[in-house]
Amino acid sequence: MGRTCVTAVIAAPQGLPYNEAEVIGMAQVYDLDFREQEFHSIFNNGHAKVMQLSFPAGKVLDKHKTDRDLLVLVVKGEVNFTVDETFHLKPGRMLSVEAGTMHAVEALTDAVILLVLVPPADTAS
């Protein structure tokens, strides 16, 4: 029976100083505390990308779209995420959004959000 291996980039992802990721074997542990920098790339393997958003209460990200599918996970705080309707997101809730969909975000409290961006299924290889 074959052994399953989890592959991870050992060097810190682009833009991430080494002291912000703890490397344990073939995995990395990331600190997801609120940052002064609103947009922070924490992982990018050329296919999938993970962004950490740190928004202070009242921050609004106006309607925009991306060419990738999104998974939106709130780590801390609460946000309103608007697509055709508004979804109230807090820790423990996740929202998926199809590529090309207009969306906006409003932080109701100081919030940490993880965005997982992947190419749509019809373009993924």
PDB file of N, CA and C in Angstrom:
ATOM      1  N   MET A   1       0.842  -1.173   0.000  1.00  0.00           N
ATOM      2  CA  MET A   1       0.000   0.000   0.000  1.00  0.00           C
ATOM      3  C   MET A   1       0.887   1.237   0.000  1.00  0.00           C
ATOM      4  N   GLY A   2       0.597   2.219  -0.871  1.00  0.00           N
ATOM      5  CA  GLY A   2       1.391   3.442  -0.980  1.00  0.00           C
ATOM      6  C   GLY A   2       1.190   4.367   0.205  1.00  0.00           C
ATOM      7  N   ARG A   3       2.174   5.202   0.412  1.00  0.00           N
ATOM      8  CA  ARG A   3       2.117   6.169   1.506  1.00  0.00           C
ATOM      9  C   ARG A   3       1.654   7.513   0.969  1.00  0.00           C
ATOM     10  N   THR A   4       0.721   8.159   1.636  1.00  0.00           N
ATOM     11  CA  THR A   4       0.252   9.473   1.231  1.00  0.00           C
ATOM     12  C   THR A   4       1.210  10.518   1.762  1.00  0.00           C
ATOM     13  N   CYS A   5       1.569  11.462   0.924  1.00  0.00           N
ATOM     14  CA  CYS A   5       2.506  12.503   1.319  1.00  0.00           C
ATOM     15  C   CYS A   5       1.853  13.864   1.133  1.00  0.00           C
ATOM     16  N   VAL A   6       1.944  14.702   2.137  1.00  0.00           N
ATOM     17  CA  VAL A   6       1.467  16.072   2.032  1.00  0.00           C
ATOM     18  C   VAL A   6       2.644  16.916   1.579  1.00  0.00           C
ATOM     19  N   THR A   7       2.485  17.599   0.466  1.00  0.00           N
ATOM     20  CA  THR A   7       3.561  18.415  -0.068  1.00  0.00           C
ATOM     21  C   THR A   7       3.355  19.857   0.347  1.00  0.00           C
ATOM     22  N   ALA A   8       4.405  20.492   0.775  1.00  0.00           N
ATOM     23  CA  ALA A   8       4.343  21.904   1.140  1.00  0.00           C
ATOM     24  C   ALA A   8       5.626  22.582   0.699  1.00  0.00           C
ATOM     25  N   VAL A   9       5.533  23.852   0.429  1.00  0.00           N
ATOM     26  CA  VAL A   9       6.715  24.631   0.093  1.00  0.00           C
ATOM     27  C   VAL A   9       7.479  24.873   1.380  1.00  0.00           C
ATOM     28  N   ILE A  10       8.747  24.510   1.404  1.00  0.00           N
ATOM     29  CA  ILE A  10       9.525  24.676   2.625  1.00  0.00           C
ATOM     30  C   ILE A  10       9.982  26.123   2.787  1.00  0.00           C
ATOM     31  N   ALA A  11      10.376  26.770   1.706  1.00  0.00           N
ATOM     32  CA  ALA A  11      10.724  28.181   1.801  1.00  0.00           C
ATOM     33  C   ALA A  11       9.441  28.971   2.013  1.00  0.00           C
ATOM     34  N   ALA A  12       9.537  30.054   2.757  1.00  0.00           N
ATOM     35  CA  ALA A  12       8.349  30.869   3.009  1.00  0.00           C
ATOM     36  C   ALA A  12       7.803  31.396   1.694  1.00  0.00           C
ATOM     37  N   PRO A  13       6.467  31.409   1.506  1.00  0.00           N
ATOM     38  CA  PRO A  13       5.869  31.930   0.278  1.00  0.00           C
ATOM     39  C   PRO A  13       6.278  33.384   0.034  1.00  0.00           C
ATOM     40  N   GLN A  14       6.171  33.798  -1.202  1.00  0.00           N
ATOM     41  CA  GLN A  14       6.554  35.142  -1.602  1.00  0.00           C
ATOM     42  C   GLN A  14       5.921  36.181  -0.687  1.00  0.00           C
ATOM     43  N   GLY A  15       6.738  37.107  -0.204  1.00  0.00           N
ATOM     44  CA  GLY A  15       6.230  38.184   0.634  1.00  0.00           C
ATOM     45  C   GLY A  15       6.090  37.819   2.095  1.00  0.00           C
ATOM     46  N   LEU A  16       6.415  36.596   2.473  1.00  0.00           N
ATOM     47  CA  LEU A  16       6.247  36.184   3.864  1.00  0.00           C
ATOM     48  C   LEU A  16       7.613  35.998   4.501  1.00  0.00           C
ATOM     49  N   PRO A  17       7.992  36.852   5.442  1.00  0.00           N
ATOM     50  CA  PRO A  17       9.269  36.663   6.122  1.00  0.00           C
ATOM     51  C   PRO A  17       9.295  35.314   6.830  1.00  0.00           C
ATOM     52  N   TYR A  18      10.470  34.724   6.909  1.00  0.00           N
ATOM     53  CA  TYR A  18      10.590  33.399   7.511  1.00  0.00           C
ATOM     54  C   TYR A  18      10.066  33.355   8.935  1.00  0.00           C
ATOM     55  N   ASN A  19      10.208  34.431   9.697  1.00  0.00           N
ATOM     56  CA  ASN A  19       9.786  34.382  11.094  1.00  0.00           C
ATOM     57  C   ASN A  19       8.270  34.383  11.265  1.00  0.00           C
ATOM     58  N   GLU A  20       7.490  34.486  10.184  1.00  0.00           N
ATOM     59  CA  GLU A  20       6.034  34.463  10.287  1.00  0.00           C
ATOM     60  C   GLU A  20       5.450  33.101   9.960  1.00  0.00           C
ATOM     61  N   ALA A  21       6.279  32.152   9.522  1.00  0.00           N
ATOM     62  CA  ALA A  21       5.813  30.806   9.231  1.00  0.00           C
ATOM     63  C   ALA A  21       6.703  29.833   9.981  1.00  0.00           C
ATOM     64  N   GLU A  22       6.088  28.935  10.705  1.00  0.00           N
ATOM     65  CA  GLU A  22       6.833  27.925  11.438  1.00  0.00           C
ATOM     66  C   GLU A  22       6.838  26.649  10.607  1.00  0.00           C
ATOM     67  N   VAL A  23       8.020  26.204  10.200  1.00  0.00           N
ATOM     68  CA  VAL A  23       8.142  25.016   9.370  1.00  0.00           C
ATOM     69  C   VAL A  23       8.277  23.800  10.275  1.00  0.00           C
ATOM     70  N   ILE A  24       7.391  22.837  10.074  1.00  0.00           N
ATOM     71  CA  ILE A  24       7.417  21.596  10.841  1.00  0.00           C
ATOM     72  C   ILE A  24       7.384  20.455   9.835  1.00  0.00           C
ATOM     73  N   GLY A  25       8.522  19.824   9.615  1.00  0.00           N
ATOM     74  CA  GLY A  25       8.594  18.743   8.633  1.00  0.00           C
ATOM     75  C   GLY A  25       8.238  19.261   7.257  1.00  0.00           C
ATOM     76  N   MET A  26       7.210  18.694   6.673  1.00  0.00           N
ATOM     77  CA  MET A  26       6.769  19.077   5.331  1.00  0.00           C
ATOM     78  C   MET A  26       5.570  20.022   5.372  1.00  0.00           C
ATOM     79  N   ALA A  27       5.357  20.699   6.481  1.00  0.00           N
ATOM     80  CA  ALA A  27       4.208  21.590   6.615  1.00  0.00           C
ATOM     81  C   ALA A  27       4.658  22.929   7.190  1.00  0.00           C
ATOM     82  N   GLN A  28       3.818  23.943   7.043  1.00  0.00           N
ATOM     83  CA  GLN A  28       4.073  25.253   7.632  1.00  0.00           C
ATOM     84  C   GLN A  28       2.862  25.667   8.441  1.00  0.00           C
ATOM     85  N   VAL A  29       3.126  26.317   9.560  1.00  0.00           N
ATOM     86  CA  VAL A  29       2.071  26.858  10.411  1.00  0.00           C
ATOM     87  C   VAL A  29       2.139  28.377  10.288  1.00  0.00           C
ATOM     88  N   TYR A  30       1.019  29.021  10.008  1.00  0.00           N
ATOM     89  CA  TYR A  30       0.970  30.460   9.795  1.00  0.00           C
ATOM     90  C   TYR A  30       0.235  31.151  10.925  1.00  0.00           C
ATOM     91  N   ASP A  31       0.720  32.328  11.290  1.00  0.00           N
ATOM     92  CA  ASP A  31       0.075  33.175  12.282  1.00  0.00           C
ATOM     93  C   ASP A  31      -0.976  34.009  11.551  1.00  0.00           C
ATOM     94  N   LEU A  32      -2.227  33.916  11.936  1.00  0.00           N
ATOM     95  CA  LEU A  32      -3.315  34.628  11.262  1.00  0.00           C
ATOM     96  C   LEU A  32      -3.871  35.762  12.106  1.00  0.00           C
ATOM     97  N   ASP A  33      -3.024  36.366  12.941  1.00  0.00           N
ATOM     98  CA  ASP A  33      -3.458  37.505  13.739  1.00  0.00           C
ATOM     99  C   ASP A  33      -3.693  38.718  12.850  1.00  0.00           C
ATOM    100  N   PHE A  34      -4.454  39.677  13.356  1.00  0.00           N
ATOM    101  CA  PHE A  34      -4.725  40.927  12.645  1.00  0.00           C
ATOM    102  C   PHE A  34      -3.401  41.616  12.327  1.00  0.00           C
ATOM    103  N   ARG A  35      -3.267  42.123  11.102  1.00  0.00           N
ATOM    104  CA  ARG A  35      -2.044  42.796  10.656  1.00  0.00           C
ATOM    105  C   ARG A  35      -2.356  44.251  10.306  1.00  0.00           C
ATOM    106  N   GLU A  36      -1.334  45.065  10.346  1.00  0.00           N
ATOM    107  CA  GLU A  36      -1.477  46.443   9.872  1.00  0.00           C
ATOM    108  C   GLU A  36      -1.675  46.463   8.362  1.00  0.00           C
ATOM    109  N   GLN A  37      -1.036  45.538   7.659  1.00  0.00           N
ATOM    110  CA  GLN A  37      -1.150  45.428   6.199  1.00  0.00           C
ATOM    111  C   GLN A  37      -2.497  44.782   5.876  1.00  0.00           C
ATOM    112  N   GLU A  38      -3.363  45.479   5.126  1.00  0.00           N
ATOM    113  CA  GLU A  38      -4.705  44.961   4.857  1.00  0.00           C
ATOM    114  C   GLU A  38      -4.709  43.717   3.987  1.00  0.00           C
ATOM    115  N   PHE A  39      -3.852  43.657   2.978  1.00  0.00           N
ATOM    116  CA  PHE A  39      -3.797  42.521   2.054  1.00  0.00           C
ATOM    117  C   PHE A  39      -2.439  41.850   2.203  1.00  0.00           C
ATOM    118  N   HIS A  40      -2.463  40.541   2.449  1.00  0.00           N
ATOM    119  CA  HIS A  40      -1.207  39.826   2.670  1.00  0.00           C
ATOM    120  C   HIS A  40      -1.284  38.450   2.011  1.00  0.00           C
ATOM    121  N   SER A  41      -0.393  38.200   1.047  1.00  0.00           N
ATOM    122  CA  SER A  41      -0.340  36.893   0.393  1.00  0.00           C
ATOM    123  C   SER A  41       0.395  35.924   1.313  1.00  0.00           C
ATOM    124  N   ILE A  42      -0.269  34.834   1.699  1.00  0.00           N
ATOM    125  CA  ILE A  42       0.396  33.879   2.581  1.00  0.00           C
ATOM    126  C   ILE A  42       0.720  32.565   1.892  1.00  0.00           C
ATOM    127  N   PHE A  43       0.154  32.340   0.704  1.00  0.00           N
ATOM    128  CA  PHE A  43       0.458  31.108  -0.023  1.00  0.00           C
ATOM    129  C   PHE A  43       0.151  31.319  -1.497  1.00  0.00           C
ATOM    130  N   ASN A  44       1.055  30.839  -2.360  1.00  0.00           N
ATOM    131  CA  ASN A  44       0.820  30.898  -3.795  1.00  0.00           C
ATOM    132  C   ASN A  44       1.692  29.828  -4.439  1.00  0.00           C
ATOM    133  N   ASN A  45       1.057  28.776  -4.947  1.00  0.00           N
ATOM    134  CA  ASN A  45       1.827  27.705  -5.587  1.00  0.00           C
ATOM    135  C   ASN A  45       1.713  27.757  -7.116  1.00  0.00           C
ATOM    136  N   GLY A  46       1.255  28.875  -7.638  1.00  0.00           N
ATOM    137  CA  GLY A  46       1.095  29.013  -9.079  1.00  0.00           C
ATOM    138  C   GLY A  46      -0.257  28.525  -9.568  1.00  0.00           C
ATOM    139  N   HIS A  47      -0.994  27.862  -8.740  1.00  0.00           N
ATOM    140  CA  HIS A  47      -2.333  27.374  -9.081  1.00  0.00           C
ATOM    141  C   HIS A  47      -3.335  27.996  -8.105  1.00  0.00           C
ATOM    142  N   ALA A  48      -3.234  27.629  -6.862  1.00  0.00           N
ATOM    143  CA  ALA A  48      -4.093  28.188  -5.814  1.00  0.00           C
ATOM    144  C   ALA A  48      -3.343  29.291  -5.088  1.00  0.00           C
ATOM    145  N   LYS A  49      -4.104  30.221  -4.545  1.00  0.00           N
ATOM    146  CA  LYS A  49      -3.519  31.337  -3.806  1.00  0.00           C
ATOM    147  C   LYS A  49      -4.361  31.563  -2.558  1.00  0.00           C
ATOM    148  N   VAL A  50      -3.700  31.860  -1.448  1.00  0.00           N
ATOM    149  CA  VAL A  50      -4.398  32.181  -0.204  1.00  0.00           C
ATOM    150  C   VAL A  50      -3.975  33.579   0.227  1.00  0.00           C
ATOM    151  N   MET A  51      -4.961  34.438   0.428  1.00  0.00           N
ATOM    152  CA  MET A  51      -4.727  35.810   0.869  1.00  0.00           C
ATOM    153  C   MET A  51      -5.334  35.994   2.252  1.00  0.00           C
ATOM    154  N   GLN A  52      -4.622  36.725   3.104  1.00  0.00           N
ATOM    155  CA  GLN A  52      -5.179  37.125   4.385  1.00  0.00           C
ATOM    156  C   GLN A  52      -5.559  38.588   4.289  1.00  0.00           C
ATOM    157  N   LEU A  53      -6.804  38.901   4.613  1.00  0.00           N
ATOM    158  CA  LEU A  53      -7.270  40.278   4.655  1.00  0.00           C
ATOM    159  C   LEU A  53      -7.449  40.661   6.119  1.00  0.00           C
ATOM    160  N   SER A  54      -6.871  41.782   6.518  1.00  0.00           N
ATOM    161  CA  SER A  54      -7.044  42.308   7.872  1.00  0.00           C
ATOM    162  C   SER A  54      -7.722  43.662   7.729  1.00  0.00           C
ATOM    163  N   PHE A  55      -9.017  43.700   7.981  1.00  0.00           N
ATOM    164  CA  PHE A  55      -9.790  44.918   7.791  1.00  0.00           C
ATOM    165  C   PHE A  55     -10.241  45.485   9.133  1.00  0.00           C
ATOM    166  N   PRO A  56      -9.967  46.767   9.373  1.00  0.00           N
ATOM    167  CA  PRO A  56     -10.496  47.398  10.582  1.00  0.00           C
ATOM    168  C   PRO A  56     -12.005  47.597  10.440  1.00  0.00           C
ATOM    169  N   ALA A  57     -12.686  47.708  11.559  1.00  0.00           N
ATOM    170  CA  ALA A  57     -14.136  47.947  11.538  1.00  0.00           C
ATOM    171  C   ALA A  57     -14.444  49.146  10.652  1.00  0.00           C
ATOM    172  N   GLY A  58     -15.459  48.989   9.797  1.00  0.00           N
ATOM    173  CA  GLY A  58     -15.877  50.064   8.910  1.00  0.00           C
ATOM    174  C   GLY A  58     -15.216  50.043   7.538  1.00  0.00           C
ATOM    175  N   LYS A  59     -14.164  49.244   7.365  1.00  0.00           N
ATOM    176  CA  LYS A  59     -13.490  49.152   6.060  1.00  0.00           C
ATOM    177  C   LYS A  59     -14.454  48.564   5.036  1.00  0.00           C
ATOM    178  N   VAL A  60     -14.534  49.188   3.868  1.00  0.00           N
ATOM    179  CA  VAL A  60     -15.380  48.705   2.779  1.00  0.00           C
ATOM    180  C   VAL A  60     -14.496  48.442   1.565  1.00  0.00           C
ATOM    181  N   LEU A  61     -14.639  47.277   0.996  1.00  0.00           N
ATOM    182  CA  LEU A  61     -13.987  46.940  -0.268  1.00  0.00           C
ATOM    183  C   LEU A  61     -15.092  46.955  -1.310  1.00  0.00           C
ATOM    184  N   ASP A  62     -15.067  47.966  -2.175  1.00  0.00           N
ATOM    185  CA  ASP A  62     -16.136  48.160  -3.158  1.00  0.00           C
ATOM    186  C   ASP A  62     -16.261  46.984  -4.110  1.00  0.00           C
ATOM    187  N   LYS A  63     -17.408  46.928  -4.803  1.00  0.00           N
ATOM    188  CA  LYS A  63     -17.679  45.825  -5.739  1.00  0.00           C
ATOM    189  C   LYS A  63     -16.565  45.674  -6.752  1.00  0.00           C
ATOM    190  N   HIS A  64     -16.183  44.431  -6.948  1.00  0.00           N
ATOM    191  CA  HIS A  64     -15.143  44.072  -7.903  1.00  0.00           C
ATOM    192  C   HIS A  64     -15.338  42.602  -8.241  1.00  0.00           C
ATOM    193  N   LYS A  65     -14.521  42.077  -9.149  1.00  0.00           N
ATOM    194  CA  LYS A  65     -14.609  40.660  -9.470  1.00  0.00           C
ATOM    195  C   LYS A  65     -13.216  40.119  -9.719  1.00  0.00           C
ATOM    196  N   THR A  66     -13.094  38.810  -9.716  1.00  0.00           N
ATOM    197  CA  THR A  66     -11.832  38.139  -9.985  1.00  0.00           C
ATOM    198  C   THR A  66     -12.084  37.004 -10.973  1.00  0.00           C
ATOM    199  N   ASP A  67     -11.038  36.580 -11.655  1.00  0.00           N
ATOM    200  CA  ASP A  67     -11.175  35.491 -12.625  1.00  0.00           C
ATOM    201  C   ASP A  67     -11.005  34.125 -11.970  1.00  0.00           C
ATOM    202  N   ARG A  68     -10.994  34.084 -10.647  1.00  0.00           N
ATOM    203  CA  ARG A  68     -10.847  32.815  -9.912  1.00  0.00           C
ATOM    204  C   ARG A  68     -12.060  32.563  -9.027  1.00  0.00           C
ATOM    205  N   ASP A  69     -12.320  31.290  -8.759  1.00  0.00           N
ATOM    206  CA  ASP A  69     -13.316  30.934  -7.759  1.00  0.00           C
ATOM    207  C   ASP A  69     -12.768  31.327  -6.393  1.00  0.00           C
ATOM    208  N   LEU A  70     -13.656  31.705  -5.475  1.00  0.00           N
ATOM    209  CA  LEU A  70     -13.246  32.133  -4.139  1.00  0.00           C
ATOM    210  C   LEU A  70     -13.889  31.269  -3.069  1.00  0.00           C
ATOM    211  N   LEU A  71     -13.132  30.984  -2.037  1.00  0.00           N
ATOM    212  CA  LEU A  71     -13.666  30.489  -0.779  1.00  0.00           C
ATOM    213  C   LEU A  71     -13.343  31.569   0.235  1.00  0.00           C
ATOM    214  N   VAL A  72     -14.341  32.037   0.953  1.00  0.00           N
ATOM    215  CA  VAL A  72     -14.177  33.123   1.914  1.00  0.00           C
ATOM    216  C   VAL A  72     -14.413  32.557   3.304  1.00  0.00           C
ATOM    217  N   LEU A  73     -13.391  32.649   4.169  1.00  0.00           N
ATOM    218  CA  LEU A  73     -13.483  32.131   5.532  1.00  0.00           C
ATOM    219  C   LEU A  73     -13.133  33.247   6.507  1.00  0.00           C
ATOM    220  N   VAL A  74     -14.018  33.543   7.419  1.00  0.00           N
ATOM    221  CA  VAL A  74     -13.735  34.559   8.433  1.00  0.00           C
ATOM    222  C   VAL A  74     -13.060  33.862   9.612  1.00  0.00           C
ATOM    223  N   VAL A  75     -11.865  34.339   9.948  1.00  0.00           N
ATOM    224  CA  VAL A  75     -11.103  33.783  11.057  1.00  0.00           C
ATOM    225  C   VAL A  75     -11.458  34.497  12.357  1.00  0.00           C
ATOM    226  N   LYS A  76     -11.567  35.837  12.280  1.00  0.00           N
ATOM    227  CA  LYS A  76     -11.903  36.658  13.448  1.00  0.00           C
ATOM    228  C   LYS A  76     -12.803  37.788  13.006  1.00  0.00           C
ATOM    229  N   GLY A  77     -13.713  38.197  13.868  1.00  0.00           N
ATOM    230  CA  GLY A  77     -14.570  39.342  13.588  1.00  0.00           C
ATOM    231  C   GLY A  77     -15.791  38.977  12.769  1.00  0.00           C
ATOM    232  N   GLU A  78     -16.442  40.011  12.234  1.00  0.00           N
ATOM    233  CA  GLU A  78     -17.662  39.825  11.446  1.00  0.00           C
ATOM    234  C   GLU A  78     -17.633  40.754  10.240  1.00  0.00           C
ATOM    235  N   VAL A  79     -18.124  40.241   9.109  1.00  0.00           N
ATOM    236  CA  VAL A  79     -18.184  41.021   7.874  1.00  0.00           C
ATOM    237  C   VAL A  79     -19.509  40.781   7.172  1.00  0.00           C
ATOM    238  N   ASN A  80     -19.894  41.739   6.350  1.00  0.00           N
ATOM    239  CA  ASN A  80     -20.974  41.539   5.392  1.00  0.00           C
ATOM    240  C   ASN A  80     -20.316  41.352   4.038  1.00  0.00           C
ATOM    241  N   PHE A  81     -20.665  40.269   3.361  1.00  0.00           N
ATOM    242  CA  PHE A  81     -20.126  39.950   2.044  1.00  0.00           C
ATOM    243  C   PHE A  81     -21.298  39.980   1.084  1.00  0.00           C
ATOM    244  N   THR A  82     -21.240  40.891   0.127  1.00  0.00           N
ATOM    245  CA  THR A  82     -22.368  41.092  -0.780  1.00  0.00           C
ATOM    246  C   THR A  82     -22.048  40.554  -2.160  1.00  0.00           C
ATOM    247  N   VAL A  83     -22.947  39.716  -2.657  1.00  0.00           N
ATOM    248  CA  VAL A  83     -22.900  39.224  -4.035  1.00  0.00           C
ATOM    249  C   VAL A  83     -24.177  39.794  -4.645  1.00  0.00           C
ATOM    250  N   ASP A  84     -25.193  38.978  -4.911  1.00  0.00           N
ATOM    251  CA  ASP A  84     -26.509  39.500  -5.282  1.00  0.00           C
ATOM    252  C   ASP A  84     -27.276  39.881  -4.028  1.00  0.00           C
ATOM    253  N   GLU A  85     -26.975  39.205  -2.941  1.00  0.00           N
ATOM    254  CA  GLU A  85     -27.541  39.517  -1.632  1.00  0.00           C
ATOM    255  C   GLU A  85     -26.384  39.606  -0.642  1.00  0.00           C
ATOM    256  N   THR A  86     -26.681  40.072   0.562  1.00  0.00           N
ATOM    257  CA  THR A  86     -25.644  40.247   1.572  1.00  0.00           C
ATOM    258  C   THR A  86     -25.660  39.077   2.542  1.00  0.00           C
ATOM    259  N   PHE A  87     -24.472  38.527   2.779  1.00  0.00           N
ATOM    260  CA  PHE A  87     -24.298  37.415   3.719  1.00  0.00           C
ATOM    261  C   PHE A  87     -23.510  37.914   4.921  1.00  0.00           C
ATOM    262  N   HIS A  88     -24.026  37.651   6.115  1.00  0.00           N
ATOM    263  CA  HIS A  88     -23.327  38.009   7.348  1.00  0.00           C
ATOM    264  C   HIS A  88     -22.398  36.848   7.689  1.00  0.00           C
ATOM    265  N   LEU A  89     -21.088  37.105   7.668  1.00  0.00           N
ATOM    266  CA  LEU A  89     -20.110  36.055   7.926  1.00  0.00           C
ATOM    267  C   LEU A  89     -19.370  36.325   9.224  1.00  0.00           C
ATOM    268  N   LYS A  90     -19.159  35.276   9.981  1.00  0.00           N
ATOM    269  CA  LYS A  90     -18.390  35.328  11.224  1.00  0.00           C
ATOM    270  C   LYS A  90     -17.625  34.015  11.328  1.00  0.00           C
ATOM    271  N   PRO A  91     -16.729  33.878  12.290  1.00  0.00           N
ATOM    272  CA  PRO A  91     -15.974  32.625  12.394  1.00  0.00           C
ATOM    273  C   PRO A  91     -16.902  31.413  12.408  1.00  0.00           C
ATOM    274  N   GLY A  92     -16.507  30.397  11.666  1.00  0.00           N
ATOM    275  CA  GLY A  92     -17.325  29.191  11.578  1.00  0.00           C
ATOM    276  C   GLY A  92     -18.216  29.154  10.345  1.00  0.00           C
ATOM    277  N   ARG A  93     -18.224  30.238   9.541  1.00  0.00           N
ATOM    278  CA  ARG A  93     -19.017  30.273   8.312  1.00  0.00           C
ATOM    279  C   ARG A  93     -18.090  30.453   7.127  1.00  0.00           C
ATOM    280  N   MET A  94     -18.435  29.829   6.022  1.00  0.00           N
ATOM    281  CA  MET A  94     -17.649  29.926   4.806  1.00  0.00           C
ATOM    282  C   MET A  94     -18.588  30.201   3.643  1.00  0.00           C
ATOM    283  N   LEU A  95     -18.116  30.966   2.680  1.00  0.00           N
ATOM    284  CA  LEU A  95     -18.902  31.311   1.504  1.00  0.00           C
ATOM    285  C   LEU A  95     -18.076  30.979   0.270  1.00  0.00           C
ATOM    286  N   SER A  96     -18.696  30.390  -0.733  1.00  0.00           N
ATOM    287  CA  SER A  96     -18.019  30.153  -2.009  1.00  0.00           C
ATOM    288  C   SER A  96     -18.634  31.076  -3.053  1.00  0.00           C
ATOM    289  N   VAL A  97     -17.769  31.611  -3.918  1.00  0.00           N
ATOM    290  CA  VAL A  97     -18.197  32.566  -4.940  1.00  0.00           C
ATOM    291  C   VAL A  97     -17.565  32.149  -6.264  1.00  0.00           C
ATOM    292  N   GLU A  98     -18.373  32.049  -7.303  1.00  0.00           N
ATOM    293  CA  GLU A  98     -17.865  31.660  -8.620  1.00  0.00           C
ATOM    294  C   GLU A  98     -17.046  32.775  -9.245  1.00  0.00           C
ATOM    295  N   ALA A  99     -16.058  32.386 -10.038  1.00  0.00           N
ATOM    296  CA  ALA A  99     -15.222  33.337 -10.773  1.00  0.00           C
ATOM    297  C   ALA A  99     -16.105  34.280 -11.585  1.00  0.00           C
ATOM    298  N   GLY A 100     -15.690  35.541 -11.675  1.00  0.00           N
ATOM    299  CA  GLY A 100     -16.413  36.524 -12.475  1.00  0.00           C
ATOM    300  C   GLY A 100     -17.612  37.146 -11.795  1.00  0.00           C
ATOM    301  N   THR A 101     -17.882  36.773 -10.541  1.00  0.00           N
ATOM    302  CA  THR A 101     -19.032  37.306  -9.811  1.00  0.00           C
ATOM    303  C   THR A 101     -18.658  38.602  -9.101  1.00  0.00           C
ATOM    304  N   MET A 102     -19.424  39.657  -9.333  1.00  0.00           N
ATOM    305  CA  MET A 102     -19.201  40.917  -8.636  1.00  0.00           C
ATOM    306  C   MET A 102     -19.495  40.713  -7.153  1.00  0.00           C
ATOM    307  N   HIS A 103     -18.615  41.261  -6.291  1.00  0.00           N
ATOM    308  CA  HIS A 103     -18.797  41.120  -4.851  1.00  0.00           C
ATOM    309  C   HIS A 103     -18.143  42.284  -4.118  1.00  0.00           C
ATOM    310  N   ALA A 104     -18.594  42.515  -2.892  1.00  0.00           N
ATOM    311  CA  ALA A 104     -18.062  43.583  -2.041  1.00  0.00           C
ATOM    312  C   ALA A 104     -18.002  43.065  -0.612  1.00  0.00           C
ATOM    313  N   VAL A 105     -17.165  43.715   0.207  1.00  0.00           N
ATOM    314  CA  VAL A 105     -16.992  43.310   1.600  1.00  0.00           C
ATOM    315  C   VAL A 105     -17.037  44.540   2.492  1.00  0.00           C
ATOM    316  N   GLU A 106     -17.698  44.414   3.642  1.00  0.00           N
ATOM    317  CA  GLU A 106     -17.700  45.462   4.665  1.00  0.00           C
ATOM    318  C   GLU A 106     -17.375  44.822   6.007  1.00  0.00           C
ATOM    319  N   ALA A 107     -16.347  45.320   6.666  1.00  0.00           N
ATOM    320  CA  ALA A 107     -15.985  44.818   8.001  1.00  0.00           C
ATOM    321  C   ALA A 107     -16.882  45.484   9.041  1.00  0.00           C
ATOM    322  N   LEU A 108     -17.638  44.677   9.770  1.00  0.00           N
ATOM    323  CA  LEU A 108     -18.501  45.198  10.828  1.00  0.00           C
ATOM    324  C   LEU A 108     -17.718  45.400  12.117  1.00  0.00           C
ATOM    325  N   THR A 109     -16.684  44.585  12.304  1.00  0.00           N
ATOM    326  CA  THR A 109     -15.751  44.686  13.424  1.00  0.00           C
ATOM    327  C   THR A 109     -14.357  44.519  12.827  1.00  0.00           C
ATOM    328  N   ASP A 110     -13.313  44.703  13.617  1.00  0.00           N
ATOM    329  CA  ASP A 110     -11.987  44.332  13.127  1.00  0.00           C
ATOM    330  C   ASP A 110     -12.081  42.876  12.703  1.00  0.00           C
ATOM    331  N   ALA A 111     -11.591  42.561  11.515  1.00  0.00           N
ATOM    332  CA  ALA A 111     -11.801  41.214  10.976  1.00  0.00           C
ATOM    333  C   ALA A 111     -10.557  40.687  10.273  1.00  0.00           C
ATOM    334  N   VAL A 112     -10.369  39.381  10.384  1.00  0.00           N
ATOM    335  CA  VAL A 112      -9.345  38.666   9.633  1.00  0.00           C
ATOM    336  C   VAL A 112     -10.088  37.669   8.748  1.00  0.00           C
ATOM    337  N   ILE A 113      -9.839  37.760   7.443  1.00  0.00           N
ATOM    338  CA  ILE A 113     -10.532  36.935   6.449  1.00  0.00           C
ATOM    339  C   ILE A 113      -9.489  36.188   5.637  1.00  0.00           C
ATOM    340  N   LEU A 114      -9.735  34.925   5.389  1.00  0.00           N
ATOM    341  CA  LEU A 114      -8.895  34.164   4.471  1.00  0.00           C
ATOM    342  C   LEU A 114      -9.647  34.001   3.165  1.00  0.00           C
ATOM    343  N   LEU A 115      -8.975  34.323   2.068  1.00  0.00           N
ATOM    344  CA  LEU A 115      -9.518  34.086   0.732  1.00  0.00           C
ATOM    345  C   LEU A 115      -8.693  32.991   0.087  1.00  0.00           C
ATOM    346  N   VAL A 116      -9.361  31.951  -0.366  1.00  0.00           N
ATOM    347  CA  VAL A 116      -8.702  30.904  -1.138  1.00  0.00           C
ATOM    348  C   VAL A 116      -9.150  31.102  -2.576  1.00  0.00           C
ATOM    349  N   LEU A 117      -8.199  31.384  -3.455  1.00  0.00           N
ATOM    350  CA  LEU A 117      -8.497  31.655  -4.858  1.00  0.00           C
ATOM    351  C   LEU A 117      -7.962  30.515  -5.713  1.00  0.00           C
ATOM    352  N   VAL A 118      -8.849  29.915  -6.504  1.00  0.00           N
ATOM    353  CA  VAL A 118      -8.439  28.817  -7.392  1.00  0.00           C
ATOM    354  C   VAL A 118      -9.047  29.063  -8.771  1.00  0.00           C
ATOM    355  N   PRO A 119      -8.337  28.624  -9.814  1.00  0.00           N
ATOM    356  CA  PRO A 119      -8.917  28.758 -11.150  1.00  0.00           C
ATOM    357  C   PRO A 119     -10.228  27.978 -11.229  1.00  0.00           C
ATOM    358  N   PRO A 120     -11.187  28.447 -12.013  1.00  0.00           N
ATOM    359  CA  PRO A 120     -12.430  27.689 -12.175  1.00  0.00           C
ATOM    360  C   PRO A 120     -12.145  26.289 -12.714  1.00  0.00           C
ATOM    361  N   ALA A 121     -13.032  25.362 -12.448  1.00  0.00           N
ATOM    362  CA  ALA A 121     -12.840  23.957 -12.843  1.00  0.00           C
ATOM    363  C   ALA A 121     -12.564  23.804 -14.332  1.00  0.00           C
ATOM    364  N   ASP A 122     -13.178  24.613 -15.174  1.00  0.00           N
ATOM    365  CA  ASP A 122     -12.985  24.459 -16.609  1.00  0.00           C
ATOM    366  C   ASP A 122     -11.599  24.927 -17.086  1.00  0.00           C
ATOM    367  N   THR A 123     -10.825  25.615 -16.213  1.00  0.00           N
ATOM    368  CA  THR A 123      -9.481  26.036 -16.593  1.00  0.00           C
ATOM    369  C   THR A 123      -8.394  25.375 -15.762  1.00  0.00           C
ATOM    370  N   ALA A 124      -8.777  24.668 -14.681  1.00  0.00           N
ATOM    371  CA  ALA A 124      -7.790  24.008 -13.817  1.00  0.00           C
ATOM    372  C   ALA A 124      -7.183  22.820 -14.549  1.00  0.00           C
ATOM    373  N   SER A 125      -5.904  22.641 -14.323  1.00  0.00           N
ATOM    374  CA  SER A 125      -5.249  21.489 -14.963  1.00  0.00           C
ATOM    375  C   SER A 125      -4.793  20.500 -13.928  1.00  0.00           C
TER     376      SER A 125
END
